[in-house]
Amino acid sequence: MTKADVDRVGFIYQITMTPDGKTALVAYNGLDEPEAVVVEVWDLRRKAHPARRSTLKVPGSHLYGLSVSADGKTAVAVRNDDTGAIVWDLTDPAHPATVAELDHKDHAERTAALSHDGRRVVLGTSKGGVDVWDLGDRTKPVHRATMDDDFRDVYAVALARNGDLVLAADFQGRATLGPVTAVETGQAGGSEAGPRHGDGRPQ
């Protein structure tokens, strides 16, 4: 974001960048359009002269989550109106396209994490735990499983590089680590971190 952009930005909600530092997404509420969240796609290959390639607009007053794949070709944004997550095709960063929306049983998505190759995304929700989606075909996403246990209000998720290990944290002060392969077979348990009693039992 250039210095000239500051005057039209109210609050920056989310930022994300590819591991190679070549592509970044910035989400903010634009003062010119308070009823929408603005998401800009930036080319950072020339560090001294970053270039804004395109601008997307998401209805609503906030953006809960934003994630981009390592190759910069897929991005997922989580809206704040409980209507799910948006999948964008950024293959041509100058002409991004909305290719799908992810919403499973009104789980109220809150956060997202994409695998390194962009073929899997996990969504933390406020009602149904962690949803696992297959984006092998981005235009036809498949809901693979839900990691629920007694999770509620999941506000942060992370995926290992290969997409086989998920870490999720909820508002009860717990972080749980588990293999996505176990999630997909209905064995949602994992290793729980967070506050514990002196005997090792979770609080």
Protein backbone atom coordinates (compact mmCIF):
# COMPACT_ATOMS: atom_id res chain seq x y z
CA MET A 1 0.00 0.00 0.00
CA THR A 2 1.47 3.32 -1.02
CA LYS A 3 1.51 6.54 0.97
CA ALA A 4 -1.20 7.94 -1.29
CA ASP A 5 -3.56 5.15 -0.21
CA VAL A 6 -3.55 6.04 3.49
CA ASP A 7 -6.12 8.82 3.18
CA ARG A 8 -8.78 6.45 1.84
CA VAL A 9 -8.19 3.58 4.29
CA GLY A 10 -10.18 3.39 7.52
CA PHE A 11 -8.88 0.22 9.16
CA ILE A 12 -6.81 -2.69 7.83
CA TYR A 13 -8.52 -5.97 8.77
CA GLN A 14 -6.28 -8.65 7.30
CA ILE A 15 -2.98 -9.02 5.46
CA THR A 16 -1.38 -12.11 3.99
CA MET A 17 1.62 -12.83 1.77
CA THR A 18 3.04 -15.76 -0.17
CA PRO A 19 6.15 -17.38 1.35
CA ASP A 20 8.32 -16.14 -1.53
CA GLY A 21 7.28 -12.56 -0.84
CA LYS A 22 6.03 -11.99 -4.38
CA THR A 23 2.30 -11.55 -3.77
CA ALA A 24 0.39 -9.89 -0.94
CA LEU A 25 -3.28 -9.27 -0.17
CA VAL A 26 -4.45 -6.37 1.98
CA ALA A 27 -8.04 -6.12 3.26
CA TYR A 28 -9.42 -2.90 4.69
CA ASN A 29 -12.57 -0.84 5.01
CA GLY A 30 -12.48 1.92 2.44
CA LEU A 31 -13.68 5.30 3.59
CA ASP A 32 -15.24 5.79 0.16
CA GLU A 33 -17.32 2.60 0.50
CA PRO A 34 -18.14 1.86 4.16
CA GLU A 35 -20.54 -0.97 3.25
CA ALA A 36 -17.83 -3.11 1.68
CA VAL A 37 -14.40 -4.50 2.53
CA VAL A 38 -11.74 -3.74 -0.06
CA VAL A 39 -9.16 -6.45 -0.82
CA GLU A 40 -6.17 -5.44 -2.90
CA VAL A 41 -3.81 -7.83 -4.69
CA TRP A 42 -0.22 -6.59 -4.77
CA ASP A 43 2.80 -7.64 -6.82
CA LEU A 44 5.90 -7.32 -4.63
CA ARG A 45 8.51 -8.67 -7.01
CA ARG A 46 10.01 -5.19 -7.33
CA LYS A 47 10.34 -4.41 -3.65
CA ALA A 48 11.13 -0.73 -4.25
CA HIS A 49 8.12 -0.37 -6.52
CA PRO A 50 5.24 -2.63 -5.42
CA ALA A 51 2.33 -2.65 -7.85
CA ARG A 52 -1.36 -3.03 -7.11
CA ARG A 53 -2.66 -5.55 -9.63
CA SER A 54 -6.36 -5.59 -8.78
CA THR A 55 -9.04 -4.68 -6.25
CA LEU A 56 -11.82 -6.93 -4.95
CA LYS A 57 -14.81 -5.89 -2.90
CA VAL A 58 -16.54 -8.03 -0.29
CA PRO A 59 -19.97 -7.02 1.04
CA GLY A 60 -20.00 -6.40 4.78
CA SER A 61 -18.30 -4.31 7.40
CA HIS A 62 -15.46 -6.65 8.34
CA LEU A 63 -13.33 -9.55 7.11
CA TYR A 64 -12.66 -12.36 9.58
CA GLY A 65 -9.98 -14.27 7.70
CA LEU A 66 -7.73 -14.12 4.65
CA SER A 67 -5.35 -16.76 3.33
CA VAL A 68 -3.35 -17.24 0.12
CA SER A 69 -1.65 -20.32 -1.30
CA ALA A 70 2.12 -20.42 -1.69
CA ASP A 71 1.95 -20.00 -5.47
CA GLY A 72 -0.37 -17.01 -5.11
CA LYS A 73 -3.00 -18.55 -7.37
CA THR A 74 -5.70 -19.25 -4.75
CA ALA A 75 -7.04 -17.11 -1.95
CA VAL A 76 -9.82 -17.59 0.59
CA ALA A 77 -11.61 -14.80 2.44
CA VAL A 78 -14.02 -15.25 5.34
CA ARG A 79 -16.90 -12.79 5.45
CA ASN A 80 -18.40 -11.44 8.67
CA ASP A 81 -22.06 -12.04 7.80
CA ASP A 82 -22.10 -15.81 8.46
CA THR A 83 -22.52 -16.55 4.75
CA GLY A 84 -19.31 -18.54 4.47
CA ALA A 85 -15.97 -18.08 2.77
CA ILE A 86 -15.13 -16.92 -0.73
CA VAL A 87 -12.62 -18.71 -2.97
CA TRP A 88 -10.74 -16.54 -5.46
CA ASP A 89 -8.73 -17.62 -8.48
CA LEU A 90 -5.71 -15.30 -8.67
CA THR A 91 -3.98 -17.08 -11.56
CA ASP A 92 -4.22 -13.77 -13.40
CA PRO A 93 -3.73 -11.30 -10.55
CA ALA A 94 -4.94 -8.45 -12.73
CA HIS A 95 -8.28 -10.21 -13.24
CA PRO A 96 -9.14 -12.25 -10.12
CA ALA A 97 -12.31 -14.30 -10.21
CA THR A 98 -14.67 -15.61 -7.54
CA VAL A 99 -14.92 -19.33 -8.28
CA ALA A 100 -16.77 -20.73 -5.24
CA GLU A 101 -18.25 -20.08 -1.82
CA LEU A 102 -17.81 -22.38 1.16
CA ASP A 103 -20.58 -22.73 3.71
CA HIS A 104 -21.37 -25.96 5.56
CA LYS A 105 -24.55 -26.28 7.63
CA ASP A 106 -24.50 -22.63 8.71
CA HIS A 107 -21.38 -23.22 10.80
CA ALA A 108 -20.55 -19.48 10.77
CA GLU A 109 -16.98 -19.46 9.49
CA ARG A 110 -14.49 -17.30 11.36
CA THR A 111 -10.99 -18.00 10.03
CA ALA A 112 -9.19 -19.85 7.23
CA ALA A 113 -5.89 -21.52 6.41
CA LEU A 114 -4.81 -22.87 3.02
CA SER A 115 -2.36 -25.66 2.44
CA HIS A 116 0.90 -24.83 0.67
CA ASP A 117 -0.42 -26.08 -2.69
CA GLY A 118 -3.84 -24.51 -2.26
CA ARG A 119 -5.65 -27.82 -2.64
CA ARG A 120 -6.98 -27.93 0.92
CA VAL A 121 -8.45 -25.30 3.20
CA VAL A 122 -9.58 -25.52 6.81
CA LEU A 123 -12.14 -23.12 8.20
CA GLY A 124 -12.55 -22.40 11.88
CA THR A 125 -16.18 -21.77 12.82
CA SER A 126 -18.17 -20.42 15.74
CA LYS A 127 -20.75 -23.21 15.69
CA GLY A 128 -19.32 -26.38 14.21
CA GLY A 129 -15.61 -26.75 14.96
CA VAL A 130 -13.18 -26.92 12.00
CA ASP A 131 -14.38 -27.72 8.50
CA VAL A 132 -11.99 -29.40 6.05
CA TRP A 133 -12.50 -28.62 2.35
CA ASP A 134 -10.91 -30.10 -0.77
CA LEU A 135 -10.08 -27.45 -3.39
CA GLY A 136 -8.56 -29.80 -5.94
CA ASP A 137 -11.14 -28.37 -8.30
CA ARG A 138 -11.66 -24.84 -7.03
CA THR A 139 -14.91 -24.46 -8.94
CA LYS A 140 -16.33 -27.56 -7.24
CA PRO A 141 -15.07 -27.59 -3.64
CA VAL A 142 -15.86 -30.69 -1.60
CA HIS A 143 -16.51 -30.66 2.15
CA ARG A 144 -14.44 -33.59 3.44
CA ALA A 145 -15.04 -33.57 7.16
CA THR A 146 -15.63 -31.57 10.32
CA MET A 147 -13.24 -31.59 13.24
CA ASP A 148 -15.70 -30.88 16.02
CA ASP A 149 -15.08 -32.71 19.29
CA ASP A 150 -16.36 -30.06 21.72
CA PHE A 151 -14.89 -27.15 19.78
CA ARG A 152 -16.82 -23.92 19.68
CA ASP A 153 -15.82 -20.44 18.62
CA VAL A 154 -12.65 -21.43 16.76
CA TYR A 155 -10.87 -18.16 16.04
CA ALA A 156 -7.50 -19.33 14.67
CA VAL A 157 -6.37 -22.21 12.46
CA ALA A 158 -3.08 -23.19 10.82
CA LEU A 159 -2.05 -25.94 8.42
CA ALA A 160 1.30 -27.65 8.04
CA ARG A 161 3.05 -27.21 4.70
CA ASN A 162 1.68 -30.47 3.27
CA GLY A 163 -1.82 -29.83 4.59
CA ASP A 164 -1.89 -32.99 6.71
CA LEU A 165 -1.67 -31.41 10.15
CA VAL A 166 -4.06 -28.82 11.55
CA LEU A 167 -3.73 -26.61 14.62
CA ALA A 168 -6.88 -24.92 15.91
CA ALA A 169 -7.51 -22.57 18.83
CA ASP A 170 -10.85 -21.67 20.40
CA PHE A 171 -12.15 -19.05 22.80
CA GLN A 172 -12.03 -21.56 25.66
CA GLY A 173 -8.27 -21.10 25.74
CA ARG A 174 -7.31 -24.36 24.06
CA ALA A 175 -5.16 -25.16 21.04
CA THR A 176 -5.52 -28.64 19.56
CA LEU A 177 -3.15 -30.28 17.11
CA GLY A 178 -4.35 -33.18 14.99
CA PRO A 179 -3.76 -34.93 11.66
CA VAL A 180 -6.21 -34.02 8.93
CA THR A 181 -6.19 -37.66 7.80
CA ALA A 182 -7.73 -38.58 11.16
CA VAL A 183 -10.27 -35.82 10.77
CA GLU A 184 -11.33 -37.17 7.39
CA THR A 185 -11.92 -40.64 8.81
CA GLY A 186 -14.02 -39.27 11.65
CA GLN A 187 -11.30 -39.56 14.31
CA ALA A 188 -11.17 -35.90 15.15
CA GLY A 189 -9.08 -36.12 18.30
CA GLY A 190 -5.64 -34.61 18.54
CA SER A 191 -3.08 -33.41 21.02
CA GLU A 192 -4.52 -30.61 23.10
CA ALA A 193 -2.46 -27.69 24.31
CA GLY A 194 -3.49 -24.87 26.59
CA PRO A 195 -4.23 -24.39 30.29
CA ARG A 196 -3.86 -27.58 32.34
CA HIS A 197 -4.21 -28.71 35.93
CA GLY A 198 -1.18 -29.80 37.93
CA ASP A 199 -1.84 -33.47 37.09
CA GLY A 200 -1.81 -32.70 33.37
CA ARG A 201 -5.58 -32.71 32.86
CA PRO A 202 -6.85 -29.88 30.63
CA GLN A 203 -8.55 -27.13 32.63
